[in-house]
Structure formats: C-alpha cells, structure tokens
Amino acid sequence: MNKLWEDLKDNMKEWGTSAVEKAEEISRVAVAKGEEFTKISKIKIDIHQLQREKSKRYEDLGKFAYHQAQDQNMANFTGNAEFFQTVNKIVELNNQIAEKEAEIEQIKEEYGLQDQDIEDAAEIELENTPRQKEIIPETSDEDKESAPE
C-alpha cells in the first residue's frame, strides 16, 4: 500500500510540474501576443490619424475648387500650384496609409496572427474598458406638462 501512495505522490508531482510548465508557456505566448496586439493597435491609431488628415485635405480641396469655380469662374486647374500641392499631399497620405497597413500585415505574418485574433482582442479590450454612465436629468411633473409634444 505504501508503494501505491509513493507512486501516486510521484505522479502528482510530475503532473503538477507539467501543469506549471504549460501555464508558464501559455503566459509567455499570451504576453507576446499582447505585445503584438499593442503594436498593431498603435499602427491602427496612426492610420486613423492619417485618414483624418486626408479627409481634411479632401475638404480643403473641395472648398478650393468651389471657390475657384464660383468666385473666379475657373474650372480648369492646369498650372494651379495650390491645387496640385493639395492633390500631392493626398497622394502622400495615401502612400503613408499603405505603408502602415503593410506594417500590420508584416506583424500578422511574422507572429501568425489572424484578423479574427485582432478583432477578438479589440472586443475584449472594449469589454474591459470602463464606460461613462449617461446622466439623464430628472424632469419634474411641471416640466413634463409644459414640454412640447
């Protein structure tokens, strides 16, 4: 009977050691994946900022074209430096966005990440982010009676 208990005790130690090793391995992988998700998130923020800048440039271009057509009665922009400067800035922003997207693809390939992994991580992050409570002002019975319908 003693032998049985000794064998059982030895097996439990082996299982425990094996479980600890697996847990350490899993945590190392999780930390590494977390770092990669962080890198990708930072690049996505950069892309978003570039896209906002591009939208602003499109808006500027539209205002310029409207002004030229309306006030200057000009519909041909050949030789107009301001017009082509704005167009070139938009092209430059498109190139920067493409470079950032390529960086994300490189990170995903290098670490074997799938789009679904990134989406899942983003959802978890959203779930863990505290939200502000919406404050709804209380209305009295007087306010309710005088409110337009």
Protein backbone atom coordinates (compact mmCIF):
# COMPACT_ATOMS: atom_id res chain seq x y z
CA MET A 1 0.00 0.00 0.00
CA ASN A 2 2.92 2.27 0.78
CA LYS A 3 4.28 1.76 -2.73
CA LEU A 4 0.94 2.75 -4.21
CA TRP A 5 0.91 6.01 -2.24
CA GLU A 6 4.51 6.76 -3.19
CA ASP A 7 3.75 6.17 -6.87
CA LEU A 8 0.64 8.32 -6.65
CA LYS A 9 2.60 11.06 -4.90
CA ASP A 10 5.35 10.95 -7.55
CA ASN A 11 2.78 11.05 -10.36
CA MET A 12 1.04 14.04 -8.76
CA LYS A 13 4.39 15.87 -8.55
CA GLU A 14 5.06 15.16 -12.23
CA TRP A 15 1.58 16.31 -13.23
CA GLY A 16 1.93 19.45 -11.11
CA THR A 17 5.32 20.25 -12.63
CA SER A 18 3.98 19.63 -16.11
CA ALA A 19 0.95 21.84 -15.44
CA VAL A 20 3.17 24.66 -14.14
CA GLU A 21 5.42 24.41 -17.22
CA LYS A 22 2.39 24.53 -19.53
CA ALA A 23 0.95 27.52 -17.65
CA GLU A 24 4.28 29.35 -17.93
CA GLU A 25 4.44 28.60 -21.66
CA ILE A 26 0.87 29.80 -22.20
CA SER A 27 1.51 33.01 -20.26
CA ARG A 28 4.68 33.70 -22.30
CA VAL A 29 2.69 33.27 -25.51
CA ALA A 30 -0.12 35.48 -24.18
CA VAL A 31 2.34 38.24 -23.26
CA ALA A 32 4.00 38.02 -26.68
CA LYS A 33 0.62 38.16 -28.44
CA GLY A 34 -0.38 41.09 -26.24
CA GLU A 35 2.71 42.99 -27.32
CA GLU A 36 1.90 42.34 -30.97
CA PHE A 37 -1.71 43.42 -30.50
CA THR A 38 -0.41 46.61 -28.88
CA LYS A 39 1.89 47.27 -31.84
CA ILE A 40 -0.97 46.71 -34.28
CA SER A 41 -3.30 48.95 -32.27
CA LYS A 42 -0.73 51.75 -32.25
CA ILE A 43 -0.32 51.47 -36.02
CA LYS A 44 -4.11 51.49 -36.47
CA ILE A 45 -4.28 54.72 -34.46
CA ASP A 46 -1.62 56.19 -36.75
CA ILE A 47 -3.67 55.10 -39.79
CA HIS A 48 -6.79 56.69 -38.33
CA GLN A 49 -4.93 59.98 -37.82
CA LEU A 50 -3.63 59.87 -41.39
CA GLN A 51 -7.14 59.19 -42.68
CA ARG A 52 -8.47 62.17 -40.72
CA GLU A 53 -5.73 64.35 -42.21
CA LYS A 54 -6.63 63.03 -45.67
CA SER A 55 -10.31 63.85 -45.11
CA LYS A 56 -9.32 67.37 -44.11
CA ARG A 57 -7.26 67.72 -47.29
CA TYR A 58 -10.21 66.50 -49.39
CA GLU A 59 -12.37 69.08 -47.66
CA ASP A 60 -9.78 71.80 -48.36
CA LEU A 61 -9.61 70.68 -51.99
CA GLY A 62 -13.38 70.83 -52.32
CA LYS A 63 -13.54 74.29 -50.79
CA PHE A 64 -10.76 75.46 -53.09
CA ALA A 65 -12.45 74.02 -56.19
CA TYR A 66 -15.77 75.56 -55.18
CA HIS A 67 -14.15 78.95 -54.57
CA GLN A 68 -12.33 78.84 -57.89
CA ALA A 69 -15.44 77.81 -59.82
CA GLN A 70 -17.81 80.17 -58.03
CA ASP A 71 -15.74 83.30 -57.44
CA GLN A 72 -13.04 83.09 -60.09
CA ASN A 73 -15.22 81.40 -62.73
CA MET A 74 -12.38 78.92 -63.27
CA ALA A 75 -12.96 75.21 -63.84
CA ASN A 76 -9.52 74.29 -65.20
CA PHE A 77 -6.77 73.80 -62.61
CA THR A 78 -3.87 73.29 -65.02
CA GLY A 79 -0.87 75.11 -63.63
CA ASN A 80 -2.56 75.96 -60.32
CA ALA A 81 0.14 75.30 -57.70
CA GLU A 82 -2.19 75.32 -54.68
CA PHE A 83 -4.50 72.75 -56.28
CA PHE A 84 -1.66 70.36 -57.17
CA GLN A 85 0.05 70.86 -53.82
CA THR A 86 -3.12 69.64 -52.08
CA VAL A 87 -3.51 66.73 -54.52
CA ASN A 88 0.13 65.72 -53.92
CA LYS A 89 -0.40 65.84 -50.14
CA ILE A 90 -3.38 63.48 -50.53
CA VAL A 91 -1.26 61.10 -52.61
CA GLU A 92 1.47 61.26 -49.94
CA LEU A 93 -1.07 60.48 -47.20
CA ASN A 94 -2.39 57.52 -49.23
CA ASN A 95 1.18 56.19 -49.50
CA GLN A 96 1.73 56.58 -45.75
CA ILE A 97 -1.52 54.74 -45.03
CA ALA A 98 -0.48 51.91 -47.38
CA GLU A 99 2.90 51.66 -45.61
CA LYS A 100 1.19 51.42 -42.20
CA GLU A 101 -1.20 48.75 -43.48
CA ALA A 102 1.80 46.82 -44.83
CA GLU A 103 3.42 47.05 -41.38
CA ILE A 104 0.32 45.49 -39.85
CA GLU A 105 0.36 42.68 -42.41
CA GLN A 106 4.05 42.07 -41.72
CA ILE A 107 3.42 41.81 -37.97
CA LYS A 108 0.47 39.47 -38.56
CA GLU A 109 2.57 37.22 -40.82
CA GLU A 110 5.59 37.28 -38.52
CA TYR A 111 3.60 36.24 -35.47
CA GLY A 112 0.93 34.12 -37.13
CA LEU A 113 -1.95 36.40 -36.19
CA GLN A 114 -5.29 36.30 -37.95
CA ASP A 115 -7.74 39.18 -38.39
CA GLN A 116 -10.15 37.35 -36.08
CA ASP A 117 -7.49 37.26 -33.32
CA ILE A 118 -7.12 41.03 -33.55
CA GLU A 119 -10.88 41.60 -33.58
CA ASP A 120 -11.30 39.31 -30.56
CA ALA A 121 -8.58 41.19 -28.68
CA ALA A 122 -10.24 44.51 -29.53
CA GLU A 123 -13.60 43.23 -28.27
CA ILE A 124 -12.02 42.07 -25.01
CA GLU A 125 -10.36 45.47 -24.63
CA LEU A 126 -13.72 47.21 -25.18
CA GLU A 127 -15.41 44.94 -22.65
CA ASN A 128 -12.72 45.74 -20.07
CA THR A 129 -12.82 49.50 -20.67
CA PRO A 130 -14.93 51.34 -18.11
CA ARG A 131 -17.76 53.30 -19.67
CA GLN A 132 -19.11 56.62 -18.55
CA LYS A 133 -22.62 56.48 -17.27
CA GLU A 134 -25.09 58.57 -19.18
CA ILE A 135 -26.56 61.23 -16.96
CA ILE A 136 -30.19 61.87 -17.70
CA PRO A 137 -31.56 64.94 -15.96
CA GLU A 138 -34.62 64.34 -13.90
CA THR A 139 -37.72 66.14 -15.01
CA SER A 140 -40.39 67.34 -12.69
CA ASP A 141 -44.10 66.97 -13.34
CA GLU A 142 -44.18 70.70 -14.23
CA ASP A 143 -41.53 70.20 -16.92
CA LYS A 144 -43.46 67.28 -18.36
CA GLU A 145 -46.67 69.30 -18.59
CA SER A 146 -45.03 72.29 -20.28
CA ALA A 147 -42.89 70.26 -22.70
CA PRO A 148 -43.95 70.43 -26.36
CA GLU A 149 -45.16 67.18 -27.85
